[in-house]
Amino acid sequence: MTENIATELPEFRVTDAAFQRVADLIKDDGREDLKLRVQVLGGGCSGFQYDFGFDPEVGDEDLKIEKDGVTVLVDPVSMEYLKGSEFDYVEELIGSSFQVKNPNATASCGCGTSFSVM
């Protein structure tokens, strides 16, 4: 039986749809040690951009959100920009994608991965 440690913290929430999609991607890859890292990087058309990628390593200060054996990681610097955010996976007629719903973003661009804060 897999223990659910946390799916929601005051700082950052991961939806069930996001966890399920991450689980599917890890299964397709075949490496069970992978975790999904959510980061905020400088750049993009609005000043900051979201970056999602698999990482087998967990940093000492990473925020870990786990459910059913799937782990999502956020480093402390990125967490400063993601407090109160929701990480989701959305399927629409025009395509599917991971999305961050960030209450701290004061502006964003059409691509949905670039944002700015004041």
PDB file of N, CA and C in Angstrom:
ATOM      1  N   MET A   1       0.841  -1.187   0.000  1.00  0.00           N
ATOM      2  CA  MET A   1       0.000   0.000   0.000  1.00  0.00           C
ATOM      3  C   MET A   1       0.881   1.243   0.000  1.00  0.00           C
ATOM      4  N   THR A   2       0.523   2.214  -0.819  1.00  0.00           N
ATOM      5  CA  THR A   2       1.287   3.451  -0.926  1.00  0.00           C
ATOM      6  C   THR A   2       0.697   4.489   0.018  1.00  0.00           C
ATOM      7  N   GLU A   3       1.585   5.137   0.752  1.00  0.00           N
ATOM      8  CA  GLU A   3       1.146   6.163   1.694  1.00  0.00           C
ATOM      9  C   GLU A   3       1.019   7.502   0.983  1.00  0.00           C
ATOM     10  N   ASN A   4      -0.074   8.212   1.239  1.00  0.00           N
ATOM     11  CA  ASN A   4      -0.252   9.560   0.714  1.00  0.00           C
ATOM     12  C   ASN A   4       0.288  10.535   1.746  1.00  0.00           C
ATOM     13  N   ILE A   5       1.387  11.193   1.416  1.00  0.00           N
ATOM     14  CA  ILE A   5       1.978  12.128   2.371  1.00  0.00           C
ATOM     15  C   ILE A   5       1.257  13.461   2.324  1.00  0.00           C
ATOM     16  N   ALA A   6       1.118  14.032   1.142  1.00  0.00           N
ATOM     17  CA  ALA A   6       0.426  15.313   1.027  1.00  0.00           C
ATOM     18  C   ALA A   6       0.072  15.569  -0.419  1.00  0.00           C
ATOM     19  N   THR A   7      -1.124  16.031  -0.658  1.00  0.00           N
ATOM     20  CA  THR A   7      -1.500  16.461  -1.994  1.00  0.00           C
ATOM     21  C   THR A   7      -1.752  17.959  -2.008  1.00  0.00           C
ATOM     22  N   GLU A   8      -1.801  18.541  -0.826  1.00  0.00           N
ATOM     23  CA  GLU A   8      -2.058  19.980  -0.758  1.00  0.00           C
ATOM     24  C   GLU A   8      -1.356  20.555   0.453  1.00  0.00           C
ATOM     25  N   LEU A   9      -0.597  21.571   0.235  1.00  0.00           N
ATOM     26  CA  LEU A   9       0.035  22.335   1.291  1.00  0.00           C
ATOM     27  C   LEU A   9      -0.404  23.776   1.108  1.00  0.00           C
ATOM     28  N   PRO A  10      -0.348  24.595   2.149  1.00  0.00           N
ATOM     29  CA  PRO A  10      -0.772  25.987   1.986  1.00  0.00           C
ATOM     30  C   PRO A  10      -0.007  26.695   0.876  1.00  0.00           C
ATOM     31  N   GLU A  11       1.227  26.264   0.633  1.00  0.00           N
ATOM     32  CA  GLU A  11       2.075  26.930  -0.336  1.00  0.00           C
ATOM     33  C   GLU A  11       1.791  26.541  -1.778  1.00  0.00           C
ATOM     34  N   PHE A  12       1.417  25.267  -2.021  1.00  0.00           N
ATOM     35  CA  PHE A  12       1.367  24.750  -3.378  1.00  0.00           C
ATOM     36  C   PHE A  12       0.461  23.531  -3.423  1.00  0.00           C
ATOM     37  N   ARG A  13      -0.454  23.511  -4.382  1.00  0.00           N
ATOM     38  CA  ARG A  13      -1.406  22.404  -4.503  1.00  0.00           C
ATOM     39  C   ARG A  13      -1.193  21.703  -5.837  1.00  0.00           C
ATOM     40  N   VAL A  14      -1.217  20.374  -5.817  1.00  0.00           N
ATOM     41  CA  VAL A  14      -1.121  19.566  -7.027  1.00  0.00           C
ATOM     42  C   VAL A  14      -2.435  18.814  -7.182  1.00  0.00           C
ATOM     43  N   THR A  15      -3.086  18.953  -8.332  1.00  0.00           N
ATOM     44  CA  THR A  15      -4.380  18.311  -8.544  1.00  0.00           C
ATOM     45  C   THR A  15      -4.207  16.823  -8.825  1.00  0.00           C
ATOM     46  N   ASP A  16      -5.291  16.077  -8.652  1.00  0.00           N
ATOM     47  CA  ASP A  16      -5.285  14.648  -8.962  1.00  0.00           C
ATOM     48  C   ASP A  16      -4.980  14.406 -10.427  1.00  0.00           C
ATOM     49  N   ALA A  17      -5.485  15.265 -11.312  1.00  0.00           N
ATOM     50  CA  ALA A  17      -5.226  15.118 -12.750  1.00  0.00           C
ATOM     51  C   ALA A  17      -3.733  15.252 -13.043  1.00  0.00           C
ATOM     52  N   ALA A  18      -3.050  16.185 -12.369  1.00  0.00           N
ATOM     53  CA  ALA A  18      -1.608  16.352 -12.570  1.00  0.00           C
ATOM     54  C   ALA A  18      -0.853  15.138 -12.061  1.00  0.00           C
ATOM     55  N   PHE A  19      -1.211  14.651 -10.874  1.00  0.00           N
ATOM     56  CA  PHE A  19      -0.559  13.455 -10.347  1.00  0.00           C
ATOM     57  C   PHE A  19      -0.740  12.277 -11.293  1.00  0.00           C
ATOM     58  N   GLN A  20      -1.937  12.096 -11.820  1.00  0.00           N
ATOM     59  CA  GLN A  20      -2.203  10.966 -12.709  1.00  0.00           C
ATOM     60  C   GLN A  20      -1.382  11.061 -13.988  1.00  0.00           C
ATOM     61  N   ARG A  21      -1.297  12.262 -14.568  1.00  0.00           N
ATOM     62  CA  ARG A  21      -0.527  12.428 -15.803  1.00  0.00           C
ATOM     63  C   ARG A  21       0.960  12.196 -15.549  1.00  0.00           C
ATOM     64  N   VAL A  22       1.473  12.682 -14.428  1.00  0.00           N
ATOM     65  CA  VAL A  22       2.871  12.442 -14.076  1.00  0.00           C
ATOM     66  C   VAL A  22       3.115  10.941 -13.918  1.00  0.00           C
ATOM     67  N   ALA A  23       2.198  10.250 -13.239  1.00  0.00           N
ATOM     68  CA  ALA A  23       2.325   8.797 -13.067  1.00  0.00           C
ATOM     69  C   ALA A  23       2.370   8.093 -14.414  1.00  0.00           C
ATOM     70  N   ASP A  24       1.508   8.505 -15.334  1.00  0.00           N
ATOM     71  CA  ASP A  24       1.482   7.896 -16.674  1.00  0.00           C
ATOM     72  C   ASP A  24       2.798   8.134 -17.418  1.00  0.00           C
ATOM     73  N   LEU A  25       3.332   9.341 -17.332  1.00  0.00           N
ATOM     74  CA  LEU A  25       4.584   9.668 -18.015  1.00  0.00           C
ATOM     75  C   LEU A  25       5.764   8.888 -17.433  1.00  0.00           C
ATOM     76  N   ILE A  26       5.793   8.742 -16.113  1.00  0.00           N
ATOM     77  CA  ILE A  26       6.861   7.969 -15.478  1.00  0.00           C
ATOM     78  C   ILE A  26       6.760   6.499 -15.880  1.00  0.00           C
ATOM     79  N   LYS A  27       5.550   5.978 -15.913  1.00  0.00           N
ATOM     80  CA  LYS A  27       5.355   4.584 -16.325  1.00  0.00           C
ATOM     81  C   LYS A  27       5.830   4.387 -17.765  1.00  0.00           C
ATOM     82  N   ASP A  28       5.481   5.326 -18.648  1.00  0.00           N
ATOM     83  CA  ASP A  28       5.902   5.232 -20.052  1.00  0.00           C
ATOM     84  C   ASP A  28       7.425   5.289 -20.179  1.00  0.00           C
ATOM     85  N   ASP A  29       8.076   6.083 -19.320  1.00  0.00           N
ATOM     86  CA  ASP A  29       9.529   6.221 -19.355  1.00  0.00           C
ATOM     87  C   ASP A  29      10.219   4.953 -18.843  1.00  0.00           C
ATOM     88  N   GLY A  30       9.620   4.303 -17.858  1.00  0.00           N
ATOM     89  CA  GLY A  30      10.179   3.068 -17.322  1.00  0.00           C
ATOM     90  C   GLY A  30      11.128   3.240 -16.153  1.00  0.00           C
ATOM     91  N   ARG A  31      11.417   4.477 -15.750  1.00  0.00           N
ATOM     92  CA  ARG A  31      12.306   4.712 -14.598  1.00  0.00           C
ATOM     93  C   ARG A  31      11.464   5.159 -13.415  1.00  0.00           C
ATOM     94  N   GLU A  32      11.254   4.288 -12.469  1.00  0.00           N
ATOM     95  CA  GLU A  32      10.371   4.562 -11.342  1.00  0.00           C
ATOM     96  C   GLU A  32      10.937   5.564 -10.345  1.00  0.00           C
ATOM     97  N   ASP A  33      12.239   5.897 -10.454  1.00  0.00           N
ATOM     98  CA  ASP A  33      12.848   6.829  -9.502  1.00  0.00           C
ATOM     99  C   ASP A  33      12.622   8.293  -9.874  1.00  0.00           C
ATOM    100  N   LEU A  34      11.961   8.553 -10.989  1.00  0.00           N
ATOM    101  CA  LEU A  34      11.769   9.933 -11.439  1.00  0.00           C
ATOM    102  C   LEU A  34      10.739  10.681 -10.603  1.00  0.00           C
ATOM    103  N   LYS A  35      10.994  11.960 -10.437  1.00  0.00           N
ATOM    104  CA  LYS A  35      10.059  12.883  -9.805  1.00  0.00           C
ATOM    105  C   LYS A  35       9.878  14.045 -10.765  1.00  0.00           C
ATOM    106  N   LEU A  36       8.729  14.705 -10.712  1.00  0.00           N
ATOM    107  CA  LEU A  36       8.533  15.874 -11.568  1.00  0.00           C
ATOM    108  C   LEU A  36       8.960  17.116 -10.809  1.00  0.00           C
ATOM    109  N   ARG A  37       9.872  17.880 -11.399  1.00  0.00           N
ATOM    110  CA  ARG A  37      10.331  19.127 -10.795  1.00  0.00           C
ATOM    111  C   ARG A  37       9.625  20.292 -11.484  1.00  0.00           C
ATOM    112  N   VAL A  38       9.007  21.152 -10.674  1.00  0.00           N
ATOM    113  CA  VAL A  38       8.372  22.376 -11.151  1.00  0.00           C
ATOM    114  C   VAL A  38       9.271  23.524 -10.719  1.00  0.00           C
ATOM    115  N   GLN A  39       9.720  24.335 -11.696  1.00  0.00           N
ATOM    116  CA  GLN A  39      10.622  25.436 -11.401  1.00  0.00           C
ATOM    117  C   GLN A  39      10.132  26.735 -12.017  1.00  0.00           C
ATOM    118  N   VAL A  40      10.601  27.819 -11.448  1.00  0.00           N
ATOM    119  CA  VAL A  40      10.430  29.136 -12.041  1.00  0.00           C
ATOM    120  C   VAL A  40      11.816  29.605 -12.448  1.00  0.00           C
ATOM    121  N   LEU A  41      11.945  29.957 -13.720  1.00  0.00           N
ATOM    122  CA  LEU A  41      13.223  30.418 -14.257  1.00  0.00           C
ATOM    123  C   LEU A  41      13.068  31.841 -14.792  1.00  0.00           C
ATOM    124  N   GLY A  42      14.136  32.581 -14.801  1.00  0.00           N
ATOM    125  CA  GLY A  42      14.118  33.899 -15.421  1.00  0.00           C
ATOM    126  C   GLY A  42      14.022  33.742 -16.926  1.00  0.00           C
ATOM    127  N   GLY A  43      13.316  34.660 -17.569  1.00  0.00           N
ATOM    128  CA  GLY A  43      13.180  34.614 -19.019  1.00  0.00           C
ATOM    129  C   GLY A  43      11.736  34.587 -19.441  1.00  0.00           C
ATOM    130  N   GLY A  44      11.504  34.217 -20.670  1.00  0.00           N
ATOM    131  CA  GLY A  44      10.146  34.236 -21.197  1.00  0.00           C
ATOM    132  C   GLY A  44       9.755  35.648 -21.569  1.00  0.00           C
ATOM    133  N   CYS A  45       8.631  35.790 -22.213  1.00  0.00           N
ATOM    134  CA  CYS A  45       8.228  37.100 -22.695  1.00  0.00           C
ATOM    135  C   CYS A  45       7.670  38.006 -21.596  1.00  0.00           C
ATOM    136  N   SER A  46       7.425  37.467 -20.396  1.00  0.00           N
ATOM    137  CA  SER A  46       6.896  38.301 -19.307  1.00  0.00           C
ATOM    138  C   SER A  46       7.859  38.429 -18.126  1.00  0.00           C
ATOM    139  N   GLY A  47       9.064  37.880 -18.222  1.00  0.00           N
ATOM    140  CA  GLY A  47      10.048  38.032 -17.156  1.00  0.00           C
ATOM    141  C   GLY A  47      10.413  36.742 -16.453  1.00  0.00           C
ATOM    142  N   PHE A  48       9.432  35.878 -16.209  1.00  0.00           N
ATOM    143  CA  PHE A  48       9.664  34.577 -15.601  1.00  0.00           C
ATOM    144  C   PHE A  48       8.943  33.522 -16.427  1.00  0.00           C
ATOM    145  N   GLN A  49       9.411  32.285 -16.318  1.00  0.00           N
ATOM    146  CA  GLN A  49       8.723  31.207 -17.013  1.00  0.00           C
ATOM    147  C   GLN A  49       8.726  29.946 -16.158  1.00  0.00           C
ATOM    148  N   TYR A  50       7.698  29.137 -16.342  1.00  0.00           N
ATOM    149  CA  TYR A  50       7.602  27.857 -15.661  1.00  0.00           C
ATOM    150  C   TYR A  50       8.393  26.826 -16.439  1.00  0.00           C
ATOM    151  N   ASP A  51       9.019  25.915 -15.716  1.00  0.00           N
ATOM    152  CA  ASP A  51       9.758  24.827 -16.337  1.00  0.00           C
ATOM    153  C   ASP A  51       9.375  23.536 -15.616  1.00  0.00           C
ATOM    154  N   PHE A  52       9.045  22.505 -16.368  1.00  0.00           N
ATOM    155  CA  PHE A  52       8.672  21.209 -15.816  1.00  0.00           C
ATOM    156  C   PHE A  52       9.604  20.166 -16.411  1.00  0.00           C
ATOM    157  N   GLY A  53      10.150  19.315 -15.569  1.00  0.00           N
ATOM    158  CA  GLY A  53      11.027  18.266 -16.071  1.00  0.00           C
ATOM    159  C   GLY A  53      11.224  17.181 -15.037  1.00  0.00           C
ATOM    160  N   PHE A  54      11.635  16.008 -15.509  1.00  0.00           N
ATOM    161  CA  PHE A  54      11.849  14.894 -14.591  1.00  0.00           C
ATOM    162  C   PHE A  54      13.236  14.949 -13.989  1.00  0.00           C
ATOM    163  N   ASP A  55      13.328  14.552 -12.732  1.00  0.00           N
ATOM    164  CA  ASP A  55      14.569  14.595 -11.980  1.00  0.00           C
ATOM    165  C   ASP A  55      14.586  13.400 -11.032  1.00  0.00           C
ATOM    166  N   PRO A  56      15.649  12.599 -11.045  1.00  0.00           N
ATOM    167  CA  PRO A  56      15.720  11.486 -10.103  1.00  0.00           C
ATOM    168  C   PRO A  56      16.197  11.924  -8.713  1.00  0.00           C
ATOM    169  N   GLU A  57      16.752  13.132  -8.610  1.00  0.00           N
ATOM    170  CA  GLU A  57      17.336  13.615  -7.357  1.00  0.00           C
ATOM    171  C   GLU A  57      16.387  14.544  -6.603  1.00  0.00           C
ATOM    172  N   VAL A  58      16.437  14.457  -5.277  1.00  0.00           N
ATOM    173  CA  VAL A  58      15.671  15.348  -4.403  1.00  0.00           C
ATOM    174  C   VAL A  58      16.664  16.178  -3.616  1.00  0.00           C
ATOM    175  N   GLY A  59      16.548  17.499  -3.709  1.00  0.00           N
ATOM    176  CA  GLY A  59      17.418  18.386  -2.948  1.00  0.00           C
ATOM    177  C   GLY A  59      17.000  18.438  -1.485  1.00  0.00           C
ATOM    178  N   ASP A  60      17.956  18.738  -0.616  1.00  0.00           N
ATOM    179  CA  ASP A  60      17.682  18.783   0.823  1.00  0.00           C
ATOM    180  C   ASP A  60      16.579  19.771   1.184  1.00  0.00           C
ATOM    181  N   GLU A  61      16.466  20.851   0.428  1.00  0.00           N
ATOM    182  CA  GLU A  61      15.493  21.888   0.760  1.00  0.00           C
ATOM    183  C   GLU A  61      14.256  21.868  -0.139  1.00  0.00           C
ATOM    184  N   ASP A  62      14.155  20.884  -1.028  1.00  0.00           N
ATOM    185  CA  ASP A  62      12.998  20.800  -1.918  1.00  0.00           C
ATOM    186  C   ASP A  62      11.702  20.555  -1.147  1.00  0.00           C
ATOM    187  N   LEU A  63      10.648  21.222  -1.576  1.00  0.00           N
ATOM    188  CA  LEU A  63       9.303  20.906  -1.107  1.00  0.00           C
ATOM    189  C   LEU A  63       8.884  19.656  -1.873  1.00  0.00           C
ATOM    190  N   LYS A  64       8.439  18.625  -1.155  1.00  0.00           N
ATOM    191  CA  LYS A  64       8.000  17.379  -1.782  1.00  0.00           C
ATOM    192  C   LYS A  64       6.506  17.209  -1.540  1.00  0.00           C
ATOM    193  N   ILE A  65       5.777  17.014  -2.621  1.00  0.00           N
ATOM    194  CA  ILE A  65       4.350  16.737  -2.525  1.00  0.00           C
ATOM    195  C   ILE A  65       4.154  15.364  -3.155  1.00  0.00           C
ATOM    196  N   GLU A  66       3.624  14.426  -2.387  1.00  0.00           N
ATOM    197  CA  GLU A  66       3.547  13.038  -2.837  1.00  0.00           C
ATOM    198  C   GLU A  66       2.132  12.488  -2.743  1.00  0.00           C
ATOM    199  N   LYS A  67       1.835  11.619  -3.707  1.00  0.00           N
ATOM    200  CA  LYS A  67       0.557  10.907  -3.691  1.00  0.00           C
ATOM    201  C   LYS A  67       0.725   9.624  -4.495  1.00  0.00           C
ATOM    202  N   ASP A  68       0.351   8.511  -3.913  1.00  0.00           N
ATOM    203  CA  ASP A  68       0.368   7.218  -4.593  1.00  0.00           C
ATOM    204  C   ASP A  68       1.700   6.932  -5.274  1.00  0.00           C
ATOM    205  N   GLY A  69       2.806   7.250  -4.619  1.00  0.00           N
ATOM    206  CA  GLY A  69       4.121   6.958  -5.151  1.00  0.00           C
ATOM    207  C   GLY A  69       4.649   7.965  -6.154  1.00  0.00           C
ATOM    208  N   VAL A  70       3.908   9.013  -6.441  1.00  0.00           N
ATOM    209  CA  VAL A  70       4.339  10.055  -7.375  1.00  0.00           C
ATOM    210  C   VAL A  70       4.774  11.275  -6.557  1.00  0.00           C
ATOM    211  N   THR A  71       5.919  11.849  -6.933  1.00  0.00           N
ATOM    212  CA  THR A  71       6.454  13.001  -6.198  1.00  0.00           C
ATOM    213  C   THR A  71       6.622  14.194  -7.132  1.00  0.00           C
ATOM    214  N   VAL A  72       6.144  15.344  -6.670  1.00  0.00           N
ATOM    215  CA  VAL A  72       6.365  16.624  -7.356  1.00  0.00           C
ATOM    216  C   VAL A  72       7.278  17.442  -6.451  1.00  0.00           C
ATOM    217  N   LEU A  73       8.332  18.008  -7.033  1.00  0.00           N
ATOM    218  CA  LEU A  73       9.335  18.769  -6.295  1.00  0.00           C
ATOM    219  C   LEU A  73       9.298  20.242  -6.683  1.00  0.00           C
ATOM    220  N   VAL A  74       9.534  21.109  -5.693  1.00  0.00           N
ATOM    221  CA  VAL A  74       9.683  22.549  -5.947  1.00  0.00           C
ATOM    222  C   VAL A  74      10.850  23.033  -5.090  1.00  0.00           C
ATOM    223  N   ASP A  75      11.826  23.691  -5.723  1.00  0.00           N
ATOM    224  CA  ASP A  75      12.963  24.221  -4.979  1.00  0.00           C
ATOM    225  C   ASP A  75      12.547  25.483  -4.223  1.00  0.00           C
ATOM    226  N   PRO A  76      13.291  25.865  -3.179  1.00  0.00           N
ATOM    227  CA  PRO A  76      12.902  27.013  -2.342  1.00  0.00           C
ATOM    228  C   PRO A  76      12.820  28.339  -3.085  1.00  0.00           C
ATOM    229  N   VAL A  77      13.713  28.587  -4.043  1.00  0.00           N
ATOM    230  CA  VAL A  77      13.676  29.852  -4.790  1.00  0.00           C
ATOM    231  C   VAL A  77      12.402  29.917  -5.636  1.00  0.00           C
ATOM    232  N   SER A  78      12.077  28.840  -6.331  1.00  0.00           N
ATOM    233  CA  SER A  78      10.847  28.800  -7.137  1.00  0.00           C
ATOM    234  C   SER A  78       9.613  28.942  -6.260  1.00  0.00           C
ATOM    235  N   MET A  79       9.681  28.366  -5.059  1.00  0.00           N
ATOM    236  CA  MET A  79       8.527  28.404  -4.159  1.00  0.00           C
ATOM    237  C   MET A  79       8.140  29.830  -3.805  1.00  0.00           C
ATOM    238  N   GLU A  80       9.117  30.741  -3.774  1.00  0.00           N
ATOM    239  CA  GLU A  80       8.813  32.147  -3.489  1.00  0.00           C
ATOM    240  C   GLU A  80       7.842  32.729  -4.514  1.00  0.00           C
ATOM    241  N   TYR A  81       7.898  32.251  -5.748  1.00  0.00           N
ATOM    242  CA  TYR A  81       7.021  32.738  -6.814  1.00  0.00           C
ATOM    243  C   TYR A  81       5.754  31.897  -6.965  1.00  0.00           C
ATOM    244  N   LEU A  82       5.731  30.730  -6.328  1.00  0.00           N
ATOM    245  CA  LEU A  82       4.613  29.794  -6.507  1.00  0.00           C
ATOM    246  C   LEU A  82       3.695  29.682  -5.300  1.00  0.00           C
ATOM    247  N   LYS A  83       3.949  30.424  -4.241  1.00  0.00           N
ATOM    248  CA  LYS A  83       3.119  30.321  -3.034  1.00  0.00           C
ATOM    249  C   LYS A  83       1.655  30.557  -3.376  1.00  0.00           C
ATOM    250  N   GLY A  84       0.820  29.635  -2.928  1.00  0.00           N
ATOM    251  CA  GLY A  84      -0.611  29.743  -3.163  1.00  0.00           C
ATOM    252  C   GLY A  84      -1.058  29.234  -4.521  1.00  0.00           C
ATOM    253  N   SER A  85      -0.134  28.689  -5.316  1.00  0.00           N
ATOM    254  CA  SER A  85      -0.454  28.254  -6.676  1.00  0.00           C
ATOM    255  C   SER A  85      -1.021  26.833  -6.717  1.00  0.00           C
ATOM    256  N   GLU A  86      -1.636  26.533  -7.850  1.00  0.00           N
ATOM    257  CA  GLU A  86      -2.151  25.193  -8.122  1.00  0.00           C
ATOM    258  C   GLU A  86      -1.501  24.677  -9.407  1.00  0.00           C
ATOM    259  N   PHE A  87      -1.001  23.451  -9.360  1.00  0.00           N
ATOM    260  CA  PHE A  87      -0.402  22.796 -10.512  1.00  0.00           C
ATOM    261  C   PHE A  87      -1.409  21.772 -11.017  1.00  0.00           C
ATOM    262  N   ASP A  88      -1.794  21.891 -12.287  1.00  0.00           N
ATOM    263  CA  ASP A  88      -2.879  21.075 -12.827  1.00  0.00           C
ATOM    264  C   ASP A  88      -2.482  20.518 -14.188  1.00  0.00           C
ATOM    265  N   TYR A  89      -3.196  19.494 -14.618  1.00  0.00           N
ATOM    266  CA  TYR A  89      -3.078  18.967 -15.976  1.00  0.00           C
ATOM    267  C   TYR A  89      -4.453  19.103 -16.607  1.00  0.00           C
ATOM    268  N   VAL A  90      -4.503  19.779 -17.754  1.00  0.00           N
ATOM    269  CA  VAL A  90      -5.777  20.104 -18.389  1.00  0.00           C
ATOM    270  C   VAL A  90      -5.812  19.500 -19.785  1.00  0.00           C
ATOM    271  N   GLU A  91      -6.915  18.822 -20.092  1.00  0.00           N
ATOM    272  CA  GLU A  91      -7.131  18.290 -21.439  1.00  0.00           C
ATOM    273  C   GLU A  91      -8.274  19.063 -22.072  1.00  0.00           C
ATOM    274  N   GLU A  92      -7.989  19.668 -23.245  1.00  0.00           N
ATOM    275  CA  GLU A  92      -8.977  20.452 -23.970  1.00  0.00           C
ATOM    276  C   GLU A  92      -8.990  20.005 -25.421  1.00  0.00           C
ATOM    277  N   LEU A  93      -9.960  20.461 -26.186  1.00  0.00           N
ATOM    278  CA  LEU A  93     -10.034  20.093 -27.591  1.00  0.00           C
ATOM    279  C   LEU A  93      -8.801  20.507 -28.379  1.00  0.00           C
ATOM    280  N   ILE A  94      -8.198  21.628 -28.000  1.00  0.00           N
ATOM    281  CA  ILE A  94      -7.041  22.125 -28.743  1.00  0.00           C
ATOM    282  C   ILE A  94      -5.725  21.522 -28.260  1.00  0.00           C
ATOM    283  N   GLY A  95      -5.769  20.725 -27.217  1.00  0.00           N
ATOM    284  CA  GLY A  95      -4.554  20.087 -26.717  1.00  0.00           C
ATOM    285  C   GLY A  95      -4.599  19.910 -25.218  1.00  0.00           C
ATOM    286  N   SER A  96      -3.550  19.344 -24.685  1.00  0.00           N
ATOM    287  CA  SER A  96      -3.459  19.122 -23.250  1.00  0.00           C
ATOM    288  C   SER A  96      -2.124  19.653 -22.750  1.00  0.00           C
ATOM    289  N   SER A  97      -2.109  20.065 -21.478  1.00  0.00           N
ATOM    290  CA  SER A  97      -0.874  20.630 -20.936  1.00  0.00           C
ATOM    291  C   SER A  97      -0.933  20.703 -19.423  1.00  0.00           C
ATOM    292  N   PHE A  98       0.268  20.773 -18.830  1.00  0.00           N
ATOM    293  CA  PHE A  98       0.364  21.126 -17.424  1.00  0.00           C
ATOM    294  C   PHE A  98       0.184  22.632 -17.334  1.00  0.00           C
ATOM    295  N   GLN A  99      -0.509  23.093 -16.288  1.00  0.00           N
ATOM    296  CA  GLN A  99      -0.734  24.520 -16.103  1.00  0.00           C
ATOM    297  C   GLN A  99      -0.536  24.892 -14.649  1.00  0.00           C
ATOM    298  N   VAL A 100      -0.023  26.088 -14.433  1.00  0.00           N
ATOM    299  CA  VAL A 100       0.120  26.636 -13.092  1.00  0.00           C
ATOM    300  C   VAL A 100      -0.861  27.785 -12.957  1.00  0.00           C
ATOM    301  N   LYS A 101      -1.740  27.684 -11.983  1.00  0.00           N
ATOM    302  CA  LYS A 101      -2.659  28.779 -11.668  1.00  0.00           C
ATOM    303  C   LYS A 101      -2.040  29.530 -10.502  1.00  0.00           C
ATOM    304  N   ASN A 102      -1.433  30.681 -10.821  1.00  0.00           N
ATOM    305  CA  ASN A 102      -0.610  31.403  -9.871  1.00  0.00           C
ATOM    306  C   ASN A 102      -1.251  32.732  -9.478  1.00  0.00           C
ATOM    307  N   PRO A 103      -1.706  32.856  -8.221  1.00  0.00           N
ATOM    308  CA  PRO A 103      -2.330  34.110  -7.795  1.00  0.00           C
ATOM    309  C   PRO A 103      -1.333  35.263  -7.666  1.00  0.00           C
ATOM    310  N   ASN A 104      -0.033  34.958  -7.702  1.00  0.00           N
ATOM    311  CA  ASN A 104       0.997  35.990  -7.583  1.00  0.00           C
ATOM    312  C   ASN A 104       1.330  36.643  -8.913  1.00  0.00           C
ATOM    313  N   ALA A 105       0.937  36.023 -10.013  1.00  0.00           N
ATOM    314  CA  ALA A 105       1.255  36.557 -11.335  1.00  0.00           C
ATOM    315  C   ALA A 105       0.401  37.789 -11.611  1.00  0.00           C
ATOM    316  N   THR A 106       1.059  38.888 -11.954  1.00  0.00           N
ATOM    317  CA  THR A 106       0.326  40.120 -12.259  1.00  0.00           C
ATOM    318  C   THR A 106       0.074  40.256 -13.752  1.00  0.00           C
ATOM    319  N   ALA A 107       0.806  39.497 -14.552  1.00  0.00           N
ATOM    320  CA  ALA A 107       0.613  39.491 -16.002  1.00  0.00           C
ATOM    321  C   ALA A 107       1.150  38.176 -16.536  1.00  0.00           C
ATOM    322  N   SER A 108       0.607  37.751 -17.648  1.00  0.00           N
ATOM    323  CA  SER A 108       1.121  36.541 -18.302  1.00  0.00           C
ATOM    324  C   SER A 108       0.964  36.703 -19.806  1.00  0.00           C
ATOM    325  N   CYS A 109       1.611  35.825 -20.533  1.00  0.00           N
ATOM    326  CA  CYS A 109       1.513  35.893 -21.997  1.00  0.00           C
ATOM    327  C   CYS A 109       0.591  34.798 -22.495  1.00  0.00           C
ATOM    328  N   GLY A 110       0.353  34.790 -23.762  1.00  0.00           N
ATOM    329  CA  GLY A 110      -0.574  33.833 -24.369  1.00  0.00           C
ATOM    330  C   GLY A 110      -0.128  32.395 -24.274  1.00  0.00           C
ATOM    331  N   CYS A 111       1.173  32.144 -24.136  1.00  0.00           N
ATOM    332  CA  CYS A 111       1.660  30.769 -24.108  1.00  0.00           C
ATOM    333  C   CYS A 111       1.324  30.075 -22.791  1.00  0.00           C
ATOM    334  N   GLY A 112       1.070  30.845 -21.730  1.00  0.00           N
ATOM    335  CA  GLY A 112       0.710  30.275 -20.445  1.00  0.00           C
ATOM    336  C   GLY A 112       1.874  29.800 -19.622  1.00  0.00           C
ATOM    337  N   THR A 113       3.104  29.912 -20.126  1.00  0.00           N
ATOM    338  CA  THR A 113       4.253  29.483 -19.350  1.00  0.00           C
ATOM    339  C   THR A 113       5.132  30.650 -18.908  1.00  0.00           C
ATOM    340  N   SER A 114       4.765  31.858 -19.278  1.00  0.00           N
ATOM    341  CA  SER A 114       5.542  33.047 -18.931  1.00  0.00           C
ATOM    342  C   SER A 114       4.664  33.989 -18.122  1.00  0.00           C
ATOM    343  N   PHE A 115       5.262  34.608 -17.076  1.00  0.00           N
ATOM    344  CA  PHE A 115       4.479  35.498 -16.212  1.00  0.00           C
ATOM    345  C   PHE A 115       5.376  36.547 -15.591  1.00  0.00           C
ATOM    346  N   SER A 116       4.755  37.546 -14.979  1.00  0.00           N
ATOM    347  CA  SER A 116       5.504  38.555 -14.239  1.00  0.00           C
ATOM    348  C   SER A 116       4.845  38.773 -12.895  1.00  0.00           C
ATOM    349  N   VAL A 117       5.624  39.287 -11.954  1.00  0.00           N
ATOM    350  CA  VAL A 117       5.129  39.618 -10.612  1.00  0.00           C
ATOM    351  C   VAL A 117       5.603  41.021 -10.286  1.00  0.00           C
ATOM    352  N   MET A 118       4.899  41.674  -9.394  1.00  0.00           N
ATOM    353  CA  MET A 118       5.309  43.026  -8.986  1.00  0.00           C
ATOM    354  C   MET A 118       5.978  42.980  -7.656  1.00  0.00           C
TER     355      MET A 118
END
